[in-house]
PDB file of N, CA and C in Angstrom:
ATOM      1  N   MET A   1     -79.588  48.019 -30.967  1.00  0.00           N
ATOM      2  CA  MET A   1     -78.443  47.493 -30.240  1.00  0.00           C
ATOM      3  C   MET A   1     -78.926  46.704 -29.024  1.00  0.00           C
ATOM      4  N   ASP A   2     -78.298  45.568 -28.759  1.00  0.00           N
ATOM      5  CA  ASP A   2     -78.662  44.725 -27.623  1.00  0.00           C
ATOM      6  C   ASP A   2     -77.824  45.104 -26.410  1.00  0.00           C
ATOM      7  N   THR A   3     -78.355  45.998 -25.562  1.00  0.00           N
ATOM      8  CA  THR A   3     -77.605  46.486 -24.408  1.00  0.00           C
ATOM      9  C   THR A   3     -77.559  45.468 -23.277  1.00  0.00           C
ATOM     10  N   ARG A   4     -78.313  44.384 -23.362  1.00  0.00           N
ATOM     11  CA  ARG A   4     -78.265  43.377 -22.300  1.00  0.00           C
ATOM     12  C   ARG A   4     -76.940  42.641 -22.281  1.00  0.00           C
ATOM     13  N   LEU A   5     -76.144  42.754 -23.322  1.00  0.00           N
ATOM     14  CA  LEU A   5     -74.887  42.031 -23.385  1.00  0.00           C
ATOM     15  C   LEU A   5     -73.690  42.897 -23.031  1.00  0.00           C
ATOM     16  N   LYS A   6     -73.951  44.103 -22.531  1.00  0.00           N
ATOM     17  CA  LYS A   6     -72.887  45.003 -22.101  1.00  0.00           C
ATOM     18  C   LYS A   6     -73.241  45.596 -20.750  1.00  0.00           C
ATOM     19  N   ALA A   7     -72.217  46.096 -20.051  1.00  0.00           N
ATOM     20  CA  ALA A   7     -72.426  46.711 -18.742  1.00  0.00           C
ATOM     21  C   ALA A   7     -71.493  47.902 -18.597  1.00  0.00           C
ATOM     22  N   PHE A   8     -71.885  48.816 -17.706  1.00  0.00           N
ATOM     23  CA  PHE A   8     -71.063  49.970 -17.353  1.00  0.00           C
ATOM     24  C   PHE A   8     -70.434  49.700 -15.995  1.00  0.00           C
ATOM     25  N   LEU A   9     -69.095  49.830 -15.911  1.00  0.00           N
ATOM     26  CA  LEU A   9     -68.380  49.590 -14.654  1.00  0.00           C
ATOM     27  C   LEU A   9     -68.190  50.900 -13.899  1.00  0.00           C
ATOM     28  N   GLU A  10     -68.505  50.883 -12.627  1.00  0.00           N
ATOM     29  CA  GLU A  10     -68.381  52.070 -11.773  1.00  0.00           C
ATOM     30  C   GLU A  10     -67.450  51.744 -10.609  1.00  0.00           C
ATOM     31  N   GLY A  11     -66.513  52.643 -10.344  1.00  0.00           N
ATOM     32  CA  GLY A  11     -65.583  52.445  -9.237  1.00  0.00           C
ATOM     33  C   GLY A  11     -64.382  51.617  -9.655  1.00  0.00           C
ATOM     34  N   GLY A  12     -63.603  51.206  -8.678  1.00  0.00           N
ATOM     35  CA  GLY A  12     -62.401  50.440  -8.950  1.00  0.00           C
ATOM     36  C   GLY A  12     -61.256  51.329  -9.387  1.00  0.00           C
ATOM     37  N   PRO A  13     -60.192  50.731  -9.906  1.00  0.00           N
ATOM     38  CA  PRO A  13     -59.024  51.511 -10.319  1.00  0.00           C
ATOM     39  C   PRO A  13     -59.377  52.539 -11.395  1.00  0.00           C
ATOM     40  N   ALA A  14     -58.845  53.737 -11.246  1.00  0.00           N
ATOM     41  CA  ALA A  14     -59.136  54.803 -12.205  1.00  0.00           C
ATOM     42  C   ALA A  14     -58.571  54.502 -13.582  1.00  0.00           C
ATOM     43  N   ASP A  15     -57.545  53.664 -13.646  1.00  0.00           N
ATOM     44  CA  ASP A  15     -56.906  53.400 -14.935  1.00  0.00           C
ATOM     45  C   ASP A  15     -57.343  52.090 -15.591  1.00  0.00           C
ATOM     46  N   LEU A  16     -58.527  51.590 -15.232  1.00  0.00           N
ATOM     47  CA  LEU A  16     -59.058  50.430 -15.952  1.00  0.00           C
ATOM     48  C   LEU A  16     -59.156  50.791 -17.440  1.00  0.00           C
ATOM     49  N   PRO A  17     -58.783  49.877 -18.322  1.00  0.00           N
ATOM     50  CA  PRO A  17     -58.769  50.228 -19.739  1.00  0.00           C
ATOM     51  C   PRO A  17     -60.152  50.472 -20.343  1.00  0.00           C
ATOM     52  N   GLU A  18     -61.200  49.878 -19.774  1.00  0.00           N
ATOM     53  CA  GLU A  18     -62.547  50.062 -20.322  1.00  0.00           C
ATOM     54  C   GLU A  18     -63.563  50.190 -19.196  1.00  0.00           C
ATOM     55  N   ARG A  19     -64.594  50.982 -19.440  1.00  0.00           N
ATOM     56  CA  ARG A  19     -65.712  51.101 -18.488  1.00  0.00           C
ATOM     57  C   ARG A  19     -66.976  50.466 -19.040  1.00  0.00           C
ATOM     58  N   ILE A  20     -67.011  50.230 -20.335  1.00  0.00           N
ATOM     59  CA  ILE A  20     -68.123  49.507 -20.953  1.00  0.00           C
ATOM     60  C   ILE A  20     -67.565  48.169 -21.403  1.00  0.00           C
ATOM     61  N   VAL A  21     -68.139  47.102 -20.859  1.00  0.00           N
ATOM     62  CA  VAL A  21     -67.603  45.763 -21.107  1.00  0.00           C
ATOM     63  C   VAL A  21     -68.715  44.810 -21.521  1.00  0.00           C
ATOM     64  N   GLY A  22     -68.335  43.761 -22.225  1.00  0.00           N
ATOM     65  CA  GLY A  22     -69.276  42.708 -22.559  1.00  0.00           C
ATOM     66  C   GLY A  22     -69.528  41.830 -21.351  1.00  0.00           C
ATOM     67  N   ILE A  23     -70.744  41.312 -21.247  1.00  0.00           N
ATOM     68  CA  ILE A  23     -71.095  40.429 -20.135  1.00  0.00           C
ATOM     69  C   ILE A  23     -71.836  39.216 -20.676  1.00  0.00           C
ATOM     70  N   THR A  24     -71.875  38.169 -19.870  1.00  0.00           N
ATOM     71  CA  THR A  24     -72.647  36.980 -20.185  1.00  0.00           C
ATOM     72  C   THR A  24     -73.796  36.907 -19.199  1.00  0.00           C
ATOM     73  N   PRO A  25     -75.019  37.185 -19.632  1.00  0.00           N
ATOM     74  CA  PRO A  25     -76.142  37.148 -18.702  1.00  0.00           C
ATOM     75  C   PRO A  25     -76.331  35.751 -18.144  1.00  0.00           C
ATOM     76  N   PRO A  26     -76.938  35.559 -17.009  1.00  0.00           N
ATOM     77  CA  PRO A  26     -77.453  36.594 -16.114  1.00  0.00           C
ATOM     78  C   PRO A  26     -76.399  37.001 -15.102  1.00  0.00           C
ATOM     79  N   GLY A  27     -75.558  37.950 -15.438  1.00  0.00           N
ATOM     80  CA  GLY A  27     -74.452  38.350 -14.586  1.00  0.00           C
ATOM     81  C   GLY A  27     -74.868  38.972 -13.270  1.00  0.00           C
ATOM     82  N   VAL A  28     -74.324  38.482 -12.197  1.00  0.00           N
ATOM     83  CA  VAL A  28     -74.497  39.112 -10.891  1.00  0.00           C
ATOM     84  C   VAL A  28     -73.154  39.589 -10.377  1.00  0.00           C
ATOM     85  N   GLU A  29     -72.060  38.991 -10.931  1.00  0.00           N
ATOM     86  CA  GLU A  29     -70.715  39.429 -10.583  1.00  0.00           C
ATOM     87  C   GLU A  29     -69.829  39.293 -11.812  1.00  0.00           C
ATOM     88  N   LEU A  30     -68.952  40.275 -11.992  1.00  0.00           N
ATOM     89  CA  LEU A  30     -67.966  40.242 -13.066  1.00  0.00           C
ATOM     90  C   LEU A  30     -66.586  40.223 -12.444  1.00  0.00           C
ATOM     91  N   LYS A  31     -65.647  39.564 -13.125  1.00  0.00           N
ATOM     92  CA  LYS A  31     -64.268  39.486 -12.636  1.00  0.00           C
ATOM     93  C   LYS A  31     -63.350  39.704 -13.830  1.00  0.00           C
ATOM     94  N   PHE A  32     -62.447  40.710 -13.709  1.00  0.00           N
ATOM     95  CA  PHE A  32     -61.543  41.046 -14.800  1.00  0.00           C
ATOM     96  C   PHE A  32     -60.103  40.992 -14.338  1.00  0.00           C
ATOM     97  N   PRO A  33     -59.218  40.344 -15.122  1.00  0.00           N
ATOM     98  CA  PRO A  33     -57.801  40.375 -14.770  1.00  0.00           C
ATOM     99  C   PRO A  33     -57.238  41.777 -14.973  1.00  0.00           C
ATOM    100  N   PHE A  34     -56.446  42.241 -14.009  1.00  0.00           N
ATOM    101  CA  PHE A  34     -55.873  43.581 -14.094  1.00  0.00           C
ATOM    102  C   PHE A  34     -54.695  43.681 -13.139  1.00  0.00           C
ATOM    103  N   ARG A  35     -53.536  44.041 -13.659  1.00  0.00           N
ATOM    104  CA  ARG A  35     -52.331  44.274 -12.860  1.00  0.00           C
ATOM    105  C   ARG A  35     -52.035  43.169 -11.845  1.00  0.00           C
ATOM    106  N   GLY A  36     -51.962  41.947 -12.300  1.00  0.00           N
ATOM    107  CA  GLY A  36     -51.577  40.840 -11.427  1.00  0.00           C
ATOM    108  C   GLY A  36     -52.641  40.388 -10.457  1.00  0.00           C
ATOM    109  N   GLY A  37     -53.879  40.737 -10.704  1.00  0.00           N
ATOM    110  CA  GLY A  37     -54.980  40.324  -9.844  1.00  0.00           C
ATOM    111  C   GLY A  37     -56.288  40.364 -10.612  1.00  0.00           C
ATOM    112  N   TYR A  38     -57.378  40.358  -9.879  1.00  0.00           N
ATOM    113  CA  TYR A  38     -58.708  40.443 -10.484  1.00  0.00           C
ATOM    114  C   TYR A  38     -59.498  41.544  -9.804  1.00  0.00           C
ATOM    115  N   GLU A  39     -60.189  42.341 -10.607  1.00  0.00           N
ATOM    116  CA  GLU A  39     -61.118  43.350 -10.107  1.00  0.00           C
ATOM    117  C   GLU A  39     -62.511  42.748 -10.176  1.00  0.00           C
ATOM    118  N   HIS A  40     -63.265  42.863  -9.088  1.00  0.00           N
ATOM    119  CA  HIS A  40     -64.607  42.289  -8.994  1.00  0.00           C
ATOM    120  C   HIS A  40     -65.652  43.399  -8.986  1.00  0.00           C
ATOM    121  N   PHE A  41     -66.736  43.167  -9.711  1.00  0.00           N
ATOM    122  CA  PHE A  41     -67.840  44.122  -9.806  1.00  0.00           C
ATOM    123  C   PHE A  41     -69.150  43.377  -9.601  1.00  0.00           C
ATOM    124  N   ARG A  42     -70.069  43.988  -8.816  1.00  0.00           N
ATOM    125  CA  ARG A  42     -71.405  43.432  -8.538  1.00  0.00           C
ATOM    126  C   ARG A  42     -72.456  44.206  -9.309  1.00  0.00           C
ATOM    127  N   VAL A  43     -73.485  43.509  -9.728  1.00  0.00           N
ATOM    128  CA  VAL A  43     -74.599  44.155 -10.420  1.00  0.00           C
ATOM    129  C   VAL A  43     -75.381  45.026  -9.437  1.00  0.00           C
ATOM    130  N   THR A  44     -75.930  46.129  -9.928  1.00  0.00           N
ATOM    131  CA  THR A  44     -76.800  47.005  -9.140  1.00  0.00           C
ATOM    132  C   THR A  44     -78.140  47.104  -9.865  1.00  0.00           C
ATOM    133  N   PRO A  45     -79.151  47.683  -9.234  1.00  0.00           N
ATOM    134  CA  PRO A  45     -80.423  47.880  -9.937  1.00  0.00           C
ATOM    135  C   PRO A  45     -80.400  49.113 -10.851  1.00  0.00           C
ATOM    136  N   ARG A  46     -79.283  49.850 -10.853  1.00  0.00           N
ATOM    137  CA  ARG A  46     -79.201  51.099 -11.624  1.00  0.00           C
ATOM    138  C   ARG A  46     -78.778  50.867 -13.076  1.00  0.00           C
ATOM    139  N   HIS A  47     -79.026  51.900 -13.903  1.00  0.00           N
ATOM    140  CA  HIS A  47     -78.601  51.913 -15.293  1.00  0.00           C
ATOM    141  C   HIS A  47     -77.903  53.239 -15.561  1.00  0.00           C
ATOM    142  N   HIS A  48     -77.051  53.253 -16.597  1.00  0.00           N
ATOM    143  CA  HIS A  48     -76.280  54.452 -16.940  1.00  0.00           C
ATOM    144  C   HIS A  48     -76.416  54.684 -18.443  1.00  0.00           C
ATOM    145  N   ASP A  49     -76.727  55.920 -18.838  1.00  0.00           N
ATOM    146  CA  ASP A  49     -76.813  56.267 -20.250  1.00  0.00           C
ATOM    147  C   ASP A  49     -75.408  56.461 -20.803  1.00  0.00           C
ATOM    148  N   THR A  50     -75.065  55.719 -21.843  1.00  0.00           N
ATOM    149  CA  THR A  50     -73.739  55.767 -22.456  1.00  0.00           C
ATOM    150  C   THR A  50     -73.898  55.968 -23.952  1.00  0.00           C
ATOM    151  N   PRO A  51     -72.805  56.234 -24.654  1.00  0.00           N
ATOM    152  CA  PRO A  51     -72.889  56.314 -26.117  1.00  0.00           C
ATOM    153  C   PRO A  51     -73.358  55.003 -26.754  1.00  0.00           C
ATOM    154  N   GLU A  52     -73.266  53.900 -26.003  1.00  0.00           N
ATOM    155  CA  GLU A  52     -73.711  52.597 -26.517  1.00  0.00           C
ATOM    156  C   GLU A  52     -75.108  52.223 -26.040  1.00  0.00           C
ATOM    157  N   GLY A  53     -75.809  53.167 -25.438  1.00  0.00           N
ATOM    158  CA  GLY A  53     -77.168  52.926 -24.955  1.00  0.00           C
ATOM    159  C   GLY A  53     -77.227  52.912 -23.436  1.00  0.00           C
ATOM    160  N   ARG A  54     -78.406  52.588 -22.930  1.00  0.00           N
ATOM    161  CA  ARG A  54     -78.640  52.521 -21.481  1.00  0.00           C
ATOM    162  C   ARG A  54     -78.184  51.145 -20.996  1.00  0.00           C
ATOM    163  N   LEU A  55     -77.168  51.140 -20.122  1.00  0.00           N
ATOM    164  CA  LEU A  55     -76.554  49.876 -19.700  1.00  0.00           C
ATOM    165  C   LEU A  55     -76.699  49.658 -18.199  1.00  0.00           C
ATOM    166  N   PRO A  56     -76.762  48.382 -17.764  1.00  0.00           N
ATOM    167  CA  PRO A  56     -76.781  48.100 -16.339  1.00  0.00           C
ATOM    168  C   PRO A  56     -75.448  48.507 -15.710  1.00  0.00           C
ATOM    169  N   VAL A  57     -75.516  48.987 -14.474  1.00  0.00           N
ATOM    170  CA  VAL A  57     -74.316  49.420 -13.749  1.00  0.00           C
ATOM    171  C   VAL A  57     -73.841  48.289 -12.852  1.00  0.00           C
ATOM    172  N   PHE A  58     -72.541  47.994 -12.947  1.00  0.00           N
ATOM    173  CA  PHE A  58     -71.872  47.068 -12.032  1.00  0.00           C
ATOM    174  C   PHE A  58     -70.898  47.902 -11.217  1.00  0.00           C
ATOM    175  N   VAL A  59     -70.946  47.793  -9.905  1.00  0.00           N
ATOM    176  CA  VAL A  59     -70.107  48.591  -9.021  1.00  0.00           C
ATOM    177  C   VAL A  59     -68.958  47.734  -8.487  1.00  0.00           C
ATOM    178  N   TRP A  60     -67.792  48.361  -8.363  1.00  0.00           N
ATOM    179  CA  TRP A  60     -66.601  47.662  -7.882  1.00  0.00           C
ATOM    180  C   TRP A  60     -66.838  47.141  -6.476  1.00  0.00           C
ATOM    181  N   SER A  61     -66.473  45.881  -6.239  1.00  0.00           N
ATOM    182  CA  SER A  61     -66.697  45.289  -4.919  1.00  0.00           C
ATOM    183  C   SER A  61     -65.416  44.775  -4.280  1.00  0.00           C
ATOM    184  N   GLY A  62     -64.294  44.825  -4.995  1.00  0.00           N
ATOM    185  CA  GLY A  62     -63.048  44.396  -4.377  1.00  0.00           C
ATOM    186  C   GLY A  62     -62.052  43.870  -5.382  1.00  0.00           C
ATOM    187  N   ARG A  63     -60.921  43.456  -4.845  1.00  0.00           N
ATOM    188  CA  ARG A  63     -59.822  42.956  -5.664  1.00  0.00           C
ATOM    189  C   ARG A  63     -59.250  41.711  -5.022  1.00  0.00           C
ATOM    190  N   THR A  64     -58.872  40.742  -5.842  1.00  0.00           N
ATOM    191  CA  THR A  64     -58.146  39.581  -5.351  1.00  0.00           C
ATOM    192  C   THR A  64     -56.833  39.484  -6.125  1.00  0.00           C
ATOM    193  N   ALA A  65     -55.805  38.996  -5.461  1.00  0.00           N
ATOM    194  CA  ALA A  65     -54.499  38.827  -6.085  1.00  0.00           C
ATOM    195  C   ALA A  65     -54.398  37.430  -6.681  1.00  0.00           C
ATOM    196  N   THR A  66     -53.593  37.315  -7.715  1.00  0.00           N
ATOM    197  CA  THR A  66     -53.340  35.991  -8.281  1.00  0.00           C
ATOM    198  C   THR A  66     -52.099  35.398  -7.612  1.00  0.00           C
ATOM    199  N   ALA A  67     -52.054  34.101  -7.528  1.00  0.00           N
ATOM    200  CA  ALA A  67     -50.901  33.425  -6.928  1.00  0.00           C
ATOM    201  C   ALA A  67     -49.683  33.570  -7.827  1.00  0.00           C
ATOM    202  N   LYS A  68     -48.544  33.767  -7.222  1.00  0.00           N
ATOM    203  CA  LYS A  68     -47.306  33.901  -8.004  1.00  0.00           C
ATOM    204  C   LYS A  68     -46.552  32.610  -8.037  1.00  0.00           C
TER     205      LYS A  68
END
């Protein structure tokens, strides 16, 4: 399995639908639409063992709202 194309999300809203997500390398920041805004995650030097293998950890760094 190619674990470089997935990441483990840590922090942020507890009700995010997924914690293991696909990424496009070389990711340093991820942004996901969620509840009328975007959740932002930054890459860390850590890894997390998951059922899908050892994945890089991205930690929640904030939220931005979308314009209405």
